[in-house]
Amino acid sequence: GAFALQDQRMAQKVLDQKEYIDSLEITLRKTHINRLNVGIELSQKTSGVHLDLINILKRINDHSFSIARAVVGKL
């Protein structure tokens, strides 16, 4: 990855995608809440797992962004 190779170009790609991934996370949450409000049974049964996965993806994005900033030198 960008950190192991100290690849600034790869790290910059991660930095450039931060806002997109953040907006995707918001969209995933909103669509999940909408499915819950509509009463979709499967969404209700798997809600905890779904929200856990969204939280994990958000944390991965945040950690990747921090690592990329270190590689690019924008700390």
PDB file of N, CA and C in Angstrom:
ATOM      1  N   GLY A   1       0.792  -1.179   0.000  1.00  0.00           N
ATOM      2  CA  GLY A   1       0.000   0.000   0.000  1.00  0.00           C
ATOM      3  C   GLY A   1       0.846   1.260   0.000  1.00  0.00           C
ATOM      4  N   ALA A   2       0.181   2.370   0.058  1.00  0.00           N
ATOM      5  CA  ALA A   2       0.840   3.676   0.004  1.00  0.00           C
ATOM      6  C   ALA A   2       1.827   3.864   1.142  1.00  0.00           C
ATOM      7  N   PHE A   3       1.481   3.379   2.328  1.00  0.00           N
ATOM      8  CA  PHE A   3       2.366   3.565   3.481  1.00  0.00           C
ATOM      9  C   PHE A   3       3.627   2.724   3.343  1.00  0.00           C
ATOM     10  N   ALA A   4       3.460   1.442   3.051  1.00  0.00           N
ATOM     11  CA  ALA A   4       4.608   0.535   2.953  1.00  0.00           C
ATOM     12  C   ALA A   4       5.564   0.979   1.854  1.00  0.00           C
ATOM     13  N   LEU A   5       5.013   1.462   0.752  1.00  0.00           N
ATOM     14  CA  LEU A   5       5.836   1.889  -0.377  1.00  0.00           C
ATOM     15  C   LEU A   5       6.185   3.375  -0.322  1.00  0.00           C
ATOM     16  N   GLN A   6       5.576   4.092   0.626  1.00  0.00           N
ATOM     17  CA  GLN A   6       5.711   5.549   0.685  1.00  0.00           C
ATOM     18  C   GLN A   6       5.365   6.167  -0.676  1.00  0.00           C
ATOM     19  N   ASP A   7       4.300   5.650  -1.261  1.00  0.00           N
ATOM     20  CA  ASP A   7       3.839   6.063  -2.586  1.00  0.00           C
ATOM     21  C   ASP A   7       2.924   7.281  -2.440  1.00  0.00           C
ATOM     22  N   GLN A   8       3.461   8.447  -2.733  1.00  0.00           N
ATOM     23  CA  GLN A   8       2.690   9.681  -2.556  1.00  0.00           C
ATOM     24  C   GLN A   8       1.531   9.785  -3.538  1.00  0.00           C
ATOM     25  N   ARG A   9       1.704   9.257  -4.739  1.00  0.00           N
ATOM     26  CA  ARG A   9       0.616   9.317  -5.718  1.00  0.00           C
ATOM     27  C   ARG A   9      -0.576   8.478  -5.257  1.00  0.00           C
ATOM     28  N   MET A  10      -0.302   7.287  -4.747  1.00  0.00           N
ATOM     29  CA  MET A  10      -1.372   6.428  -4.234  1.00  0.00           C
ATOM     30  C   MET A  10      -2.033   7.079  -3.020  1.00  0.00           C
ATOM     31  N   ALA A  11      -1.226   7.661  -2.156  1.00  0.00           N
ATOM     32  CA  ALA A  11      -1.760   8.333  -0.970  1.00  0.00           C
ATOM     33  C   ALA A  11      -2.643   9.510  -1.369  1.00  0.00           C
ATOM     34  N   GLN A  12      -2.250  10.240  -2.386  1.00  0.00           N
ATOM     35  CA  GLN A  12      -3.047  11.381  -2.836  1.00  0.00           C
ATOM     36  C   GLN A  12      -4.403  10.922  -3.355  1.00  0.00           C
ATOM     37  N   LYS A  13      -4.452   9.765  -3.999  1.00  0.00           N
ATOM     38  CA  LYS A  13      -5.738   9.223  -4.466  1.00  0.00           C
ATOM     39  C   LYS A  13      -6.674   8.972  -3.289  1.00  0.00           C
ATOM     40  N   VAL A  14      -6.117   8.463  -2.194  1.00  0.00           N
ATOM     41  CA  VAL A  14      -6.923   8.240  -0.986  1.00  0.00           C
ATOM     42  C   VAL A  14      -7.450   9.577  -0.468  1.00  0.00           C
ATOM     43  N   LEU A  15      -6.580  10.580  -0.416  1.00  0.00           N
ATOM     44  CA  LEU A  15      -6.997  11.908   0.065  1.00  0.00           C
ATOM     45  C   LEU A  15      -8.099  12.482  -0.823  1.00  0.00           C
ATOM     46  N   ASP A  16      -7.950  12.300  -2.127  1.00  0.00           N
ATOM     47  CA  ASP A  16      -8.923  12.851  -3.074  1.00  0.00           C
ATOM     48  C   ASP A  16     -10.299  12.191  -2.958  1.00  0.00           C
ATOM     49  N   GLN A  17     -10.351  10.968  -2.469  1.00  0.00           N
ATOM     50  CA  GLN A  17     -11.619  10.246  -2.384  1.00  0.00           C
ATOM     51  C   GLN A  17     -12.309  10.376  -1.031  1.00  0.00           C
ATOM     52  N   LYS A  18     -11.717  11.075  -0.093  1.00  0.00           N
ATOM     53  CA  LYS A  18     -12.261  11.185   1.269  1.00  0.00           C
ATOM     54  C   LYS A  18     -13.694  11.715   1.274  1.00  0.00           C
ATOM     55  N   GLU A  19     -13.927  12.820   0.591  1.00  0.00           N
ATOM     56  CA  GLU A  19     -15.273  13.415   0.600  1.00  0.00           C
ATOM     57  C   GLU A  19     -16.298  12.484  -0.040  1.00  0.00           C
ATOM     58  N   TYR A  20     -15.907  11.809  -1.113  1.00  0.00           N
ATOM     59  CA  TYR A  20     -16.821  10.871  -1.776  1.00  0.00           C
ATOM     60  C   TYR A  20     -17.208   9.743  -0.825  1.00  0.00           C
ATOM     61  N   ILE A  21     -16.231   9.173  -0.134  1.00  0.00           N
ATOM     62  CA  ILE A  21     -16.505   8.069   0.789  1.00  0.00           C
ATOM     63  C   ILE A  21     -17.358   8.563   1.958  1.00  0.00           C
ATOM     64  N   ASP A  22     -17.076   9.775   2.444  1.00  0.00           N
ATOM     65  CA  ASP A  22     -17.897  10.346   3.519  1.00  0.00           C
ATOM     66  C   ASP A  22     -19.353  10.496   3.072  1.00  0.00           C
ATOM     67  N   SER A  23     -19.558  10.985   1.849  1.00  0.00           N
ATOM     68  CA  SER A  23     -20.934  11.159   1.359  1.00  0.00           C
ATOM     69  C   SER A  23     -21.601   9.803   1.118  1.00  0.00           C
ATOM     70  N   LEU A  24     -20.828   8.816   0.697  1.00  0.00           N
ATOM     71  CA  LEU A  24     -21.365   7.472   0.522  1.00  0.00           C
ATOM     72  C   LEU A  24     -21.846   6.910   1.855  1.00  0.00           C
ATOM     73  N   GLU A  25     -21.083   7.139   2.901  1.00  0.00           N
ATOM     74  CA  GLU A  25     -21.475   6.676   4.242  1.00  0.00           C
ATOM     75  C   GLU A  25     -22.811   7.289   4.657  1.00  0.00           C
ATOM     76  N   ILE A  26     -22.971   8.573   4.418  1.00  0.00           N
ATOM     77  CA  ILE A  26     -24.226   9.257   4.756  1.00  0.00           C
ATOM     78  C   ILE A  26     -25.382   8.672   3.943  1.00  0.00           C
ATOM     79  N   THR A  27     -25.148   8.440   2.661  1.00  0.00           N
ATOM     80  CA  THR A  27     -26.173   7.856   1.796  1.00  0.00           C
ATOM     81  C   THR A  27     -26.570   6.466   2.270  1.00  0.00           C
ATOM     82  N   LEU A  28     -25.582   5.651   2.638  1.00  0.00           N
ATOM     83  CA  LEU A  28     -25.876   4.304   3.136  1.00  0.00           C
ATOM     84  C   LEU A  28     -26.736   4.362   4.394  1.00  0.00           C
ATOM     85  N   ARG A  29     -26.413   5.285   5.292  1.00  0.00           N
ATOM     86  CA  ARG A  29     -27.208   5.428   6.523  1.00  0.00           C
ATOM     87  C   ARG A  29     -28.642   5.859   6.211  1.00  0.00           C
ATOM     88  N   LYS A  30     -28.775   6.863   5.347  1.00  0.00           N
ATOM     89  CA  LYS A  30     -30.106   7.375   5.015  1.00  0.00           C
ATOM     90  C   LYS A  30     -30.966   6.313   4.341  1.00  0.00           C
ATOM     91  N   THR A  31     -30.396   5.588   3.404  1.00  0.00           N
ATOM     92  CA  THR A  31     -31.193   4.571   2.717  1.00  0.00           C
ATOM     93  C   THR A  31     -31.569   3.439   3.667  1.00  0.00           C
ATOM     94  N   HIS A  32     -30.683   3.126   4.593  1.00  0.00           N
ATOM     95  CA  HIS A  32     -31.015   2.092   5.577  1.00  0.00           C
ATOM     96  C   HIS A  32     -32.162   2.562   6.479  1.00  0.00           C
ATOM     97  N   ILE A  33     -32.076   3.796   6.956  1.00  0.00           N
ATOM     98  CA  ILE A  33     -33.144   4.351   7.803  1.00  0.00           C
ATOM     99  C   ILE A  33     -34.464   4.384   7.031  1.00  0.00           C
ATOM    100  N   ASN A  34     -34.401   4.746   5.758  1.00  0.00           N
ATOM    101  CA  ASN A  34     -35.620   4.749   4.936  1.00  0.00           C
ATOM    102  C   ASN A  34     -36.233   3.356   4.851  1.00  0.00           C
ATOM    103  N   ARG A  35     -35.389   2.333   4.669  1.00  0.00           N
ATOM    104  CA  ARG A  35     -35.909   0.962   4.618  1.00  0.00           C
ATOM    105  C   ARG A  35     -36.536   0.570   5.953  1.00  0.00           C
ATOM    106  N   LEU A  36     -35.932   1.010   7.047  1.00  0.00           N
ATOM    107  CA  LEU A  36     -36.514   0.728   8.367  1.00  0.00           C
ATOM    108  C   LEU A  36     -37.865   1.420   8.522  1.00  0.00           C
ATOM    109  N   ASN A  37     -37.941   2.676   8.089  1.00  0.00           N
ATOM    110  CA  ASN A  37     -39.190   3.437   8.202  1.00  0.00           C
ATOM    111  C   ASN A  37     -40.310   2.832   7.367  1.00  0.00           C
ATOM    112  N   VAL A  38     -39.956   2.254   6.229  1.00  0.00           N
ATOM    113  CA  VAL A  38     -40.944   1.614   5.362  1.00  0.00           C
ATOM    114  C   VAL A  38     -41.411   0.298   5.978  1.00  0.00           C
ATOM    115  N   GLY A  39     -40.580  -0.271   6.831  1.00  0.00           N
ATOM    116  CA  GLY A  39     -40.961  -1.500   7.514  1.00  0.00           C
ATOM    117  C   GLY A  39     -40.474  -2.771   6.846  1.00  0.00           C
ATOM    118  N   ILE A  40     -39.407  -2.668   6.076  1.00  0.00           N
ATOM    119  CA  ILE A  40     -38.865  -3.860   5.419  1.00  0.00           C
ATOM    120  C   ILE A  40     -38.307  -4.792   6.491  1.00  0.00           C
ATOM    121  N   GLU A  41     -38.904  -5.970   6.583  1.00  0.00           N
ATOM    122  CA  GLU A  41     -38.596  -6.897   7.674  1.00  0.00           C
ATOM    123  C   GLU A  41     -37.125  -7.312   7.697  1.00  0.00           C
ATOM    124  N   LEU A  42     -36.563  -7.618   6.549  1.00  0.00           N
ATOM    125  CA  LEU A  42     -35.169  -8.052   6.506  1.00  0.00           C
ATOM    126  C   LEU A  42     -34.233  -6.945   6.996  1.00  0.00           C
ATOM    127  N   SER A  43     -34.536  -5.704   6.634  1.00  0.00           N
ATOM    128  CA  SER A  43     -33.724  -4.581   7.112  1.00  0.00           C
ATOM    129  C   SER A  43     -33.820  -4.444   8.625  1.00  0.00           C
ATOM    130  N   GLN A  44     -35.007  -4.697   9.162  1.00  0.00           N
ATOM    131  CA  GLN A  44     -35.178  -4.629  10.614  1.00  0.00           C
ATOM    132  C   GLN A  44     -34.381  -5.722  11.310  1.00  0.00           C
ATOM    133  N   LYS A  45     -34.379  -6.912  10.728  1.00  0.00           N
ATOM    134  CA  LYS A  45     -33.674  -8.039  11.340  1.00  0.00           C
ATOM    135  C   LYS A  45     -32.156  -7.880  11.283  1.00  0.00           C
ATOM    136  N   THR A  46     -31.670  -7.210  10.258  1.00  0.00           N
ATOM    137  CA  THR A  46     -30.220  -7.105  10.061  1.00  0.00           C
ATOM    138  C   THR A  46     -29.687  -5.702  10.340  1.00  0.00           C
ATOM    139  N   SER A  47     -30.488  -4.857  10.937  1.00  0.00           N
ATOM    140  CA  SER A  47     -30.115  -3.459  11.136  1.00  0.00           C
ATOM    141  C   SER A  47     -28.805  -3.297  11.901  1.00  0.00           C
ATOM    142  N   GLY A  48     -28.642  -4.043  12.975  1.00  0.00           N
ATOM    143  CA  GLY A  48     -27.420  -3.923  13.770  1.00  0.00           C
ATOM    144  C   GLY A  48     -26.179  -4.248  12.971  1.00  0.00           C
ATOM    145  N   VAL A  49     -26.254  -5.316  12.197  1.00  0.00           N
ATOM    146  CA  VAL A  49     -25.112  -5.715  11.368  1.00  0.00           C
ATOM    147  C   VAL A  49     -24.845  -4.660  10.304  1.00  0.00           C
ATOM    148  N   HIS A  50     -25.908  -4.177   9.685  1.00  0.00           N
ATOM    149  CA  HIS A  50     -25.775  -3.175   8.632  1.00  0.00           C
ATOM    150  C   HIS A  50     -25.090  -1.914   9.172  1.00  0.00           C
ATOM    151  N   LEU A  51     -25.555  -1.429  10.303  1.00  0.00           N
ATOM    152  CA  LEU A  51     -24.968  -0.218  10.883  1.00  0.00           C
ATOM    153  C   LEU A  51     -23.543  -0.460  11.358  1.00  0.00           C
ATOM    154  N   ASP A  52     -23.270  -1.649  11.885  1.00  0.00           N
ATOM    155  CA  ASP A  52     -21.894  -1.987  12.271  1.00  0.00           C
ATOM    156  C   ASP A  52     -20.966  -1.937  11.063  1.00  0.00           C
ATOM    157  N   LEU A  53     -21.408  -2.490   9.943  1.00  0.00           N
ATOM    158  CA  LEU A  53     -20.586  -2.475   8.733  1.00  0.00           C
ATOM    159  C   LEU A  53     -20.333  -1.054   8.240  1.00  0.00           C
ATOM    160  N   ILE A  54     -21.350  -0.216   8.281  1.00  0.00           N
ATOM    161  CA  ILE A  54     -21.167   1.180   7.878  1.00  0.00           C
ATOM    162  C   ILE A  54     -20.153   1.855   8.795  1.00  0.00           C
ATOM    163  N   ASN A  55     -20.256   1.617  10.097  1.00  0.00           N
ATOM    164  CA  ASN A  55     -19.299   2.201  11.045  1.00  0.00           C
ATOM    165  C   ASN A  55     -17.882   1.704  10.795  1.00  0.00           C
ATOM    166  N   ILE A  56     -17.736   0.428  10.493  1.00  0.00           N
ATOM    167  CA  ILE A  56     -16.413  -0.132  10.204  1.00  0.00           C
ATOM    168  C   ILE A  56     -15.834   0.498   8.940  1.00  0.00           C
ATOM    169  N   LEU A  57     -16.650   0.627   7.899  1.00  0.00           N
ATOM    170  CA  LEU A  57     -16.181   1.265   6.670  1.00  0.00           C
ATOM    171  C   LEU A  57     -15.767   2.710   6.917  1.00  0.00           C
ATOM    172  N   LYS A  58     -16.514   3.410   7.757  1.00  0.00           N
ATOM    173  CA  LYS A  58     -16.157   4.794   8.091  1.00  0.00           C
ATOM    174  C   LYS A  58     -14.810   4.842   8.802  1.00  0.00           C
ATOM    175  N   ARG A  59     -14.591   3.941   9.734  1.00  0.00           N
ATOM    176  CA  ARG A  59     -13.318   3.910  10.465  1.00  0.00           C
ATOM    177  C   ARG A  59     -12.154   3.578   9.535  1.00  0.00           C
ATOM    178  N   ILE A  60     -12.372   2.628   8.620  1.00  0.00           N
ATOM    179  CA  ILE A  60     -11.328   2.303   7.642  1.00  0.00           C
ATOM    180  C   ILE A  60     -10.998   3.532   6.809  1.00  0.00           C
ATOM    181  N   ASN A  61     -12.026   4.241   6.368  1.00  0.00           N
ATOM    182  CA  ASN A  61     -11.817   5.455   5.584  1.00  0.00           C
ATOM    183  C   ASN A  61     -11.039   6.495   6.386  1.00  0.00           C
ATOM    184  N   ASP A  62     -11.418   6.702   7.632  1.00  0.00           N
ATOM    185  CA  ASP A  62     -10.732   7.692   8.468  1.00  0.00           C
ATOM    186  C   ASP A  62      -9.272   7.311   8.704  1.00  0.00           C
ATOM    187  N   HIS A  63      -9.022   6.036   8.987  1.00  0.00           N
ATOM    188  CA  HIS A  63      -7.640   5.591   9.210  1.00  0.00           C
ATOM    189  C   HIS A  63      -6.824   5.683   7.918  1.00  0.00           C
ATOM    190  N   SER A  64      -7.417   5.300   6.805  1.00  0.00           N
ATOM    191  CA  SER A  64      -6.723   5.393   5.515  1.00  0.00           C
ATOM    192  C   SER A  64      -6.357   6.833   5.203  1.00  0.00           C
ATOM    193  N   PHE A  65      -7.275   7.741   5.496  1.00  0.00           N
ATOM    194  CA  PHE A  65      -7.029   9.161   5.268  1.00  0.00           C
ATOM    195  C   PHE A  65      -5.865   9.647   6.129  1.00  0.00           C
ATOM    196  N   SER A  66      -5.841   9.248   7.388  1.00  0.00           N
ATOM    197  CA  SER A  66      -4.752   9.661   8.286  1.00  0.00           C
ATOM    198  C   SER A  66      -3.405   9.131   7.807  1.00  0.00           C
ATOM    199  N   ILE A  67      -3.383   7.892   7.384  1.00  0.00           N
ATOM    200  CA  ILE A  67      -2.140   7.303   6.872  1.00  0.00           C
ATOM    201  C   ILE A  67      -1.704   8.019   5.601  1.00  0.00           C
ATOM    202  N   ALA A  68      -2.649   8.276   4.710  1.00  0.00           N
ATOM    203  CA  ALA A  68      -2.328   8.963   3.456  1.00  0.00           C
ATOM    204  C   ALA A  68      -1.782  10.360   3.720  1.00  0.00           C
ATOM    205  N   ARG A  69      -2.356  11.058   4.686  1.00  0.00           N
ATOM    206  CA  ARG A  69      -1.837  12.392   5.039  1.00  0.00           C
ATOM    207  C   ARG A  69      -0.398  12.305   5.513  1.00  0.00           C
ATOM    208  N   ALA A  70      -0.079  11.282   6.281  1.00  0.00           N
ATOM    209  CA  ALA A  70       1.294  11.111   6.769  1.00  0.00           C
ATOM    210  C   ALA A  70       2.248  10.852   5.605  1.00  0.00           C
ATOM    211  N   VAL A  71       1.819  10.049   4.647  1.00  0.00           N
ATOM    212  CA  VAL A  71       2.671   9.733   3.497  1.00  0.00           C
ATOM    213  C   VAL A  71       2.904  10.972   2.646  1.00  0.00           C
ATOM    214  N   VAL A  72       1.852  11.746   2.429  1.00  0.00           N
ATOM    215  CA  VAL A  72       1.957  12.943   1.596  1.00  0.00           C
ATOM    216  C   VAL A  72       2.644  14.079   2.352  1.00  0.00           C
ATOM    217  N   GLY A  73       2.651  13.980   3.668  1.00  0.00           N
ATOM    218  CA  GLY A  73       3.312  15.006   4.475  1.00  0.00           C
ATOM    219  C   GLY A  73       2.415  16.151   4.861  1.00  0.00           C
ATOM    220  N   LYS A  74       1.109  15.900   4.969  1.00  0.00           N
ATOM    221  CA  LYS A  74       0.142  16.954   5.299  1.00  0.00           C
ATOM    222  C   LYS A  74      -0.369  16.820   6.723  1.00  0.00           C
ATOM    223  N   LEU A  75       0.489  16.446   7.644  1.00  0.00           N
ATOM    224  CA  LEU A  75       0.043  16.298   9.036  1.00  0.00           C
ATOM    225  C   LEU A  75      -0.062  17.627   9.728  1.00  0.00           C
TER     226      LEU A  75
END
